[in-house]
N, C-alpha and C. Protein backbone atom coordinates (compact mmCIF):
# COMPACT_ATOMS: atom_id res chain seq x y z
N MET A 1 31.77 131.13 139.87
CA MET A 1 31.76 131.49 141.24
C MET A 1 32.62 132.69 141.38
N SER A 2 32.24 133.37 142.31
CA SER A 2 32.98 134.74 142.34
C SER A 2 33.46 135.21 143.93
N LEU A 3 34.39 135.71 144.04
CA LEU A 3 34.75 136.04 145.68
C LEU A 3 34.67 137.30 145.64
N THR A 4 34.45 137.80 146.89
CA THR A 4 34.17 139.06 147.15
C THR A 4 35.62 139.70 147.40
N LYS A 5 35.76 140.95 147.50
CA LYS A 5 36.89 141.50 148.11
C LYS A 5 37.28 141.32 149.20
N GLU A 6 36.46 141.13 150.15
CA GLU A 6 36.62 140.60 151.56
C GLU A 6 37.51 139.25 152.01
N GLN A 7 36.84 138.58 150.78
CA GLN A 7 37.66 136.95 150.77
C GLN A 7 38.78 137.25 150.28
N VAL A 8 38.96 137.99 149.35
CA VAL A 8 40.34 137.90 148.70
C VAL A 8 41.28 138.72 149.67
N ILE A 9 40.99 139.54 150.36
CA ILE A 9 41.54 140.31 151.51
C ILE A 9 42.02 139.34 152.76
N ALA A 10 41.10 138.47 153.05
CA ALA A 10 41.30 137.44 154.26
C ALA A 10 42.35 136.54 153.75
N VAL A 11 42.23 135.77 152.14
CA VAL A 11 43.10 135.04 151.94
C VAL A 11 44.57 135.96 151.90
N ALA A 12 44.66 136.93 151.46
CA ALA A 12 45.87 137.52 151.44
C ALA A 12 46.61 137.96 152.70
N ALA A 13 45.61 137.98 153.79
CA ALA A 13 46.20 138.09 155.13
C ALA A 13 46.67 136.83 155.51
N LEU A 14 46.11 135.65 155.55
CA LEU A 14 46.63 134.50 155.67
C LEU A 14 47.96 133.88 155.00
N ALA A 15 48.32 134.63 153.77
CA ALA A 15 49.49 134.54 153.07
C ALA A 15 50.43 135.48 153.56
N ASN A 16 50.02 136.42 154.42
CA ASN A 16 50.84 137.53 154.76
C ASN A 16 51.22 138.20 153.40
N LEU A 17 50.11 138.73 152.95
CA LEU A 17 50.59 139.82 151.65
C LEU A 17 49.59 140.84 151.79
N GLN A 18 50.28 142.12 151.36
CA GLN A 18 49.68 143.19 150.88
C GLN A 18 49.23 143.64 149.86
N LEU A 19 47.94 143.59 149.74
CA LEU A 19 47.48 143.90 148.26
C LEU A 19 47.18 145.35 147.95
N GLU A 20 47.39 146.09 146.87
CA GLU A 20 46.74 147.23 146.61
C GLU A 20 45.46 147.22 146.02
N PRO A 21 44.64 148.18 146.16
CA PRO A 21 43.27 147.74 145.84
C PRO A 21 42.71 147.32 144.24
N ALA A 22 43.82 147.81 143.48
CA ALA A 22 43.38 147.35 142.09
C ALA A 22 43.99 145.81 142.08
N GLU A 23 44.75 145.45 142.90
CA GLU A 23 45.31 143.88 142.72
C GLU A 23 44.29 143.02 143.55
N VAL A 24 43.37 143.67 144.48
CA VAL A 24 42.32 142.99 145.28
C VAL A 24 41.26 142.51 144.19
N GLU A 25 40.90 143.54 143.22
CA GLU A 25 39.77 143.42 142.11
C GLU A 25 40.36 142.33 141.22
N LEU A 26 41.66 142.55 141.03
CA LEU A 26 42.23 141.64 139.78
C LEU A 26 42.13 140.03 140.32
N PHE A 27 42.75 140.14 141.31
CA PHE A 27 42.60 138.60 142.07
C PHE A 27 41.19 138.10 142.24
N ALA A 28 40.46 139.06 142.84
CA ALA A 28 39.29 138.71 142.84
C ALA A 28 38.70 137.88 141.84
N ARG A 29 38.79 138.57 140.67
CA ARG A 29 38.31 138.00 139.13
C ARG A 29 38.89 136.72 139.05
N GLN A 30 40.20 136.85 139.00
CA GLN A 30 41.16 135.69 138.47
C GLN A 30 40.78 134.48 139.52
N LEU A 31 40.79 134.51 140.83
CA LEU A 31 40.50 133.47 141.65
C LEU A 31 39.27 132.84 141.41
N GLY A 32 38.47 133.88 141.29
CA GLY A 32 37.04 133.30 140.89
C GLY A 32 36.74 132.55 139.46
N ASP A 33 37.61 132.81 138.67
CA ASP A 33 37.72 131.98 137.36
C ASP A 33 38.23 130.87 137.48
N VAL A 34 39.23 130.80 138.49
CA VAL A 34 40.05 129.47 138.81
C VAL A 34 38.92 128.49 139.58
N LEU A 35 38.20 129.14 140.68
CA LEU A 35 37.20 128.43 141.38
C LEU A 35 36.06 127.76 140.38
N ALA A 36 35.47 128.74 139.34
CA ALA A 36 34.34 128.36 138.47
C ALA A 36 34.96 127.07 137.59
N HIS A 37 36.47 127.15 137.18
CA HIS A 37 37.06 125.92 136.38
C HIS A 37 36.81 124.71 137.26
N VAL A 38 37.17 124.73 138.58
CA VAL A 38 37.50 123.55 139.40
C VAL A 38 35.93 123.24 139.71
N ASP A 39 35.13 124.02 139.68
CA ASP A 39 33.45 123.33 139.88
C ASP A 39 33.15 122.88 138.86
N GLU A 40 33.40 123.10 137.70
CA GLU A 40 33.40 122.59 136.22
C GLU A 40 33.85 121.24 136.39
N LEU A 41 35.12 121.21 136.44
CA LEU A 41 35.93 119.76 136.77
C LEU A 41 35.03 118.67 137.89
N ASN A 42 34.56 119.47 138.73
CA ASN A 42 34.03 118.45 139.92
C ASN A 42 32.58 117.89 139.22
N GLN A 43 32.00 118.63 138.25
CA GLN A 43 30.94 117.85 137.66
C GLN A 43 31.01 116.89 136.67
N ILE A 44 32.16 116.42 136.34
CA ILE A 44 32.65 115.61 135.31
C ILE A 44 32.29 114.11 135.94
N ASP A 45 31.64 113.32 135.37
CA ASP A 45 31.21 111.87 135.97
C ASP A 45 32.59 111.21 135.96
N THR A 46 33.18 110.68 137.06
CA THR A 46 34.41 110.02 137.28
C THR A 46 33.86 108.35 137.62
N THR A 47 32.72 108.17 137.37
CA THR A 47 32.31 106.74 138.07
C THR A 47 33.24 105.68 137.10
N GLY A 48 33.92 104.64 137.82
CA GLY A 48 34.63 103.87 137.33
C GLY A 48 35.95 104.41 136.91
N VAL A 49 36.27 105.60 137.19
CA VAL A 49 37.81 105.98 136.82
C VAL A 49 38.39 105.78 138.11
N SER A 50 39.68 105.03 138.05
CA SER A 50 40.41 104.86 139.27
C SER A 50 41.34 106.23 139.52
N PRO A 51 41.31 106.37 140.84
CA PRO A 51 42.54 107.38 140.86
C PRO A 51 43.94 107.24 140.60
N THR A 52 44.54 108.12 140.12
CA THR A 52 45.88 108.22 140.00
C THR A 52 46.66 109.48 140.18
N ALA A 53 47.86 109.23 140.38
CA ALA A 53 48.76 110.14 141.02
C ALA A 53 49.51 110.86 139.41
N TYR A 54 49.23 110.20 138.31
CA TYR A 54 49.89 110.66 136.98
C TYR A 54 48.84 110.75 135.98
N GLY A 55 48.85 111.70 135.13
CA GLY A 55 48.03 111.53 133.99
C GLY A 55 48.41 110.46 133.02
N VAL A 56 49.70 110.16 132.80
CA VAL A 56 50.08 108.96 132.26
C VAL A 56 50.83 108.03 132.93
N ALA A 57 51.02 106.80 132.48
CA ALA A 57 51.59 105.83 133.21
C ALA A 57 53.14 106.31 133.24
N PRO A 58 53.65 106.24 134.49
CA PRO A 58 55.06 106.45 134.63
C PRO A 58 55.83 105.59 133.87
N HIS A 59 57.00 106.03 133.25
CA HIS A 59 57.97 105.16 132.50
C HIS A 59 59.53 105.44 133.07
N THR A 60 59.82 104.22 133.74
CA THR A 60 61.18 104.11 134.19
C THR A 60 62.11 103.73 133.21
N VAL A 61 63.51 104.51 133.50
CA VAL A 61 64.53 104.20 132.44
C VAL A 61 65.71 103.59 133.01
N ASP A 62 65.48 102.77 134.22
CA ASP A 62 66.39 102.17 135.08
C ASP A 62 66.86 101.17 134.17
N ARG A 63 68.22 100.82 134.51
CA ARG A 63 68.84 99.59 133.80
C ARG A 63 69.73 99.09 135.01
N PRO A 64 69.99 97.80 134.69
CA PRO A 64 70.74 97.09 135.84
C PRO A 64 72.25 97.65 135.97
N ASP A 65 72.76 97.55 137.03
CA ASP A 65 74.08 98.06 137.29
C ASP A 65 75.22 97.18 136.52
N VAL A 66 76.10 97.65 136.07
CA VAL A 66 77.00 96.75 135.18
C VAL A 66 78.78 97.19 136.01
N VAL A 67 79.22 96.38 136.11
CA VAL A 67 80.57 96.83 136.78
C VAL A 67 81.61 96.87 135.64
N ALA A 68 82.12 98.22 135.89
CA ALA A 68 83.03 98.49 134.48
C ALA A 68 84.35 99.10 135.17
N PRO A 69 85.41 98.99 134.17
CA PRO A 69 86.63 99.59 134.91
C PRO A 69 86.54 101.06 134.91
N SER A 70 87.39 101.82 136.25
CA SER A 70 87.17 102.94 136.39
C SER A 70 88.27 103.73 135.44
N LEU A 71 87.89 104.96 135.11
CA LEU A 71 88.98 105.82 134.65
C LEU A 71 90.19 105.80 135.21
N PRO A 72 91.53 105.88 134.63
CA PRO A 72 92.67 106.19 135.22
C PRO A 72 92.78 107.43 136.09
N ILE A 73 93.55 107.44 137.39
CA ILE A 73 93.40 108.40 138.30
C ILE A 73 94.09 109.68 137.32
N ASP A 74 95.18 109.54 136.71
CA ASP A 74 95.61 110.63 135.91
C ASP A 74 94.76 111.05 134.83
N ASP A 75 93.85 110.37 134.34
CA ASP A 75 92.83 111.10 133.29
C ASP A 75 91.75 111.82 133.96
N VAL A 76 91.35 111.08 135.04
CA VAL A 76 90.24 111.95 135.99
C VAL A 76 90.80 113.30 136.47
N LEU A 77 92.05 113.62 136.97
CA LEU A 77 92.45 114.76 137.37
C LEU A 77 93.37 115.56 136.38
N ALA A 78 93.44 115.09 135.20
CA ALA A 78 94.15 115.93 134.03
C ALA A 78 93.73 117.27 134.18
N ASN A 79 92.44 117.66 134.33
CA ASN A 79 92.10 118.91 134.24
C ASN A 79 91.77 119.59 135.46
N ALA A 80 91.79 119.03 136.74
CA ALA A 80 91.80 119.74 137.93
C ALA A 80 92.89 120.77 138.32
N PRO A 81 92.29 122.01 138.52
CA PRO A 81 93.18 122.93 138.68
C PRO A 81 94.30 122.74 139.83
N GLU A 82 93.85 122.11 140.92
CA GLU A 82 94.80 121.64 141.96
C GLU A 82 94.52 120.21 142.23
N ARG A 83 95.37 119.44 142.38
CA ARG A 83 95.39 118.10 142.90
C ARG A 83 96.37 117.62 144.02
N GLU A 84 96.14 116.80 144.76
CA GLU A 84 96.96 116.34 145.56
C GLU A 84 97.15 114.77 145.68
N ARG A 85 98.21 114.30 145.65
CA ARG A 85 98.59 112.99 145.57
C ARG A 85 98.17 112.23 147.08
N ALA A 86 97.59 111.05 146.90
CA ALA A 86 97.22 110.32 148.42
C ALA A 86 98.79 109.70 148.73
N PRO A 87 98.69 109.50 149.78
CA PRO A 87 99.97 108.66 150.55
C PRO A 87 100.14 107.28 150.03
N ARG A 88 98.99 106.37 149.29
CA ARG A 88 99.05 105.47 148.83
C ARG A 88 98.71 105.13 147.54
N GLY A 89 99.10 106.18 147.05
CA GLY A 89 98.77 106.28 145.34
C GLY A 89 97.58 106.88 145.25
N GLY A 90 97.31 107.27 143.94
CA GLY A 90 96.03 107.73 143.49
C GLY A 90 96.22 109.18 143.84
N GLY A 91 95.07 109.63 143.95
CA GLY A 91 94.96 111.38 144.24
C GLY A 91 93.62 111.89 144.26
N PHE A 92 93.29 113.23 144.58
CA PHE A 92 92.02 113.53 144.61
C PHE A 92 92.08 115.21 144.12
N PHE A 93 90.94 115.76 144.12
CA PHE A 93 90.95 116.89 143.72
C PHE A 93 91.04 117.91 145.06
N LYS A 94 91.90 118.89 145.03
CA LYS A 94 92.10 119.75 146.12
C LYS A 94 91.07 121.01 145.93
N VAL A 95 90.50 121.19 146.82
CA VAL A 95 89.24 122.40 146.98
C VAL A 95 89.68 123.09 148.21
N PRO A 96 89.13 124.48 148.23
CA PRO A 96 89.50 125.23 149.36
C PRO A 96 88.23 124.75 150.39
N ARG A 97 88.96 124.88 151.60
CA ARG A 97 88.29 124.65 152.78
C ARG A 97 86.93 125.58 152.96
N VAL A 98 85.80 124.76 153.13
CA VAL A 98 84.59 125.70 153.46
C VAL A 98 83.98 125.66 154.63
N ILE A 99 84.39 124.54 155.53
CA ILE A 99 83.94 124.55 156.95
C ILE A 99 84.87 124.42 157.76
N GLY A 100 85.06 125.48 158.82
CA GLY A 100 85.97 125.93 159.67
C GLY A 100 86.21 124.94 160.86
């Protein structure tokens, strides 16, 4: 399948693109090749093939949640450039204010 230069220019206008004359010719050929390949795929008999969103079966790697002890706060904050102690123990990372 081939596209005319006018069709390429129309598609480029829809995408708000400005193309040079050499690009129009190049894209006409490339888009024509893509459409020819899609047409070739459309000719494949898919009778009895169920539609799918994935080419292969999705494989999940979920694992159950397991309660585990947290790291000690001093270990967590050991490499913090700045930290602040909380009034009731513990502490947190001190970062620059980003919202006024």
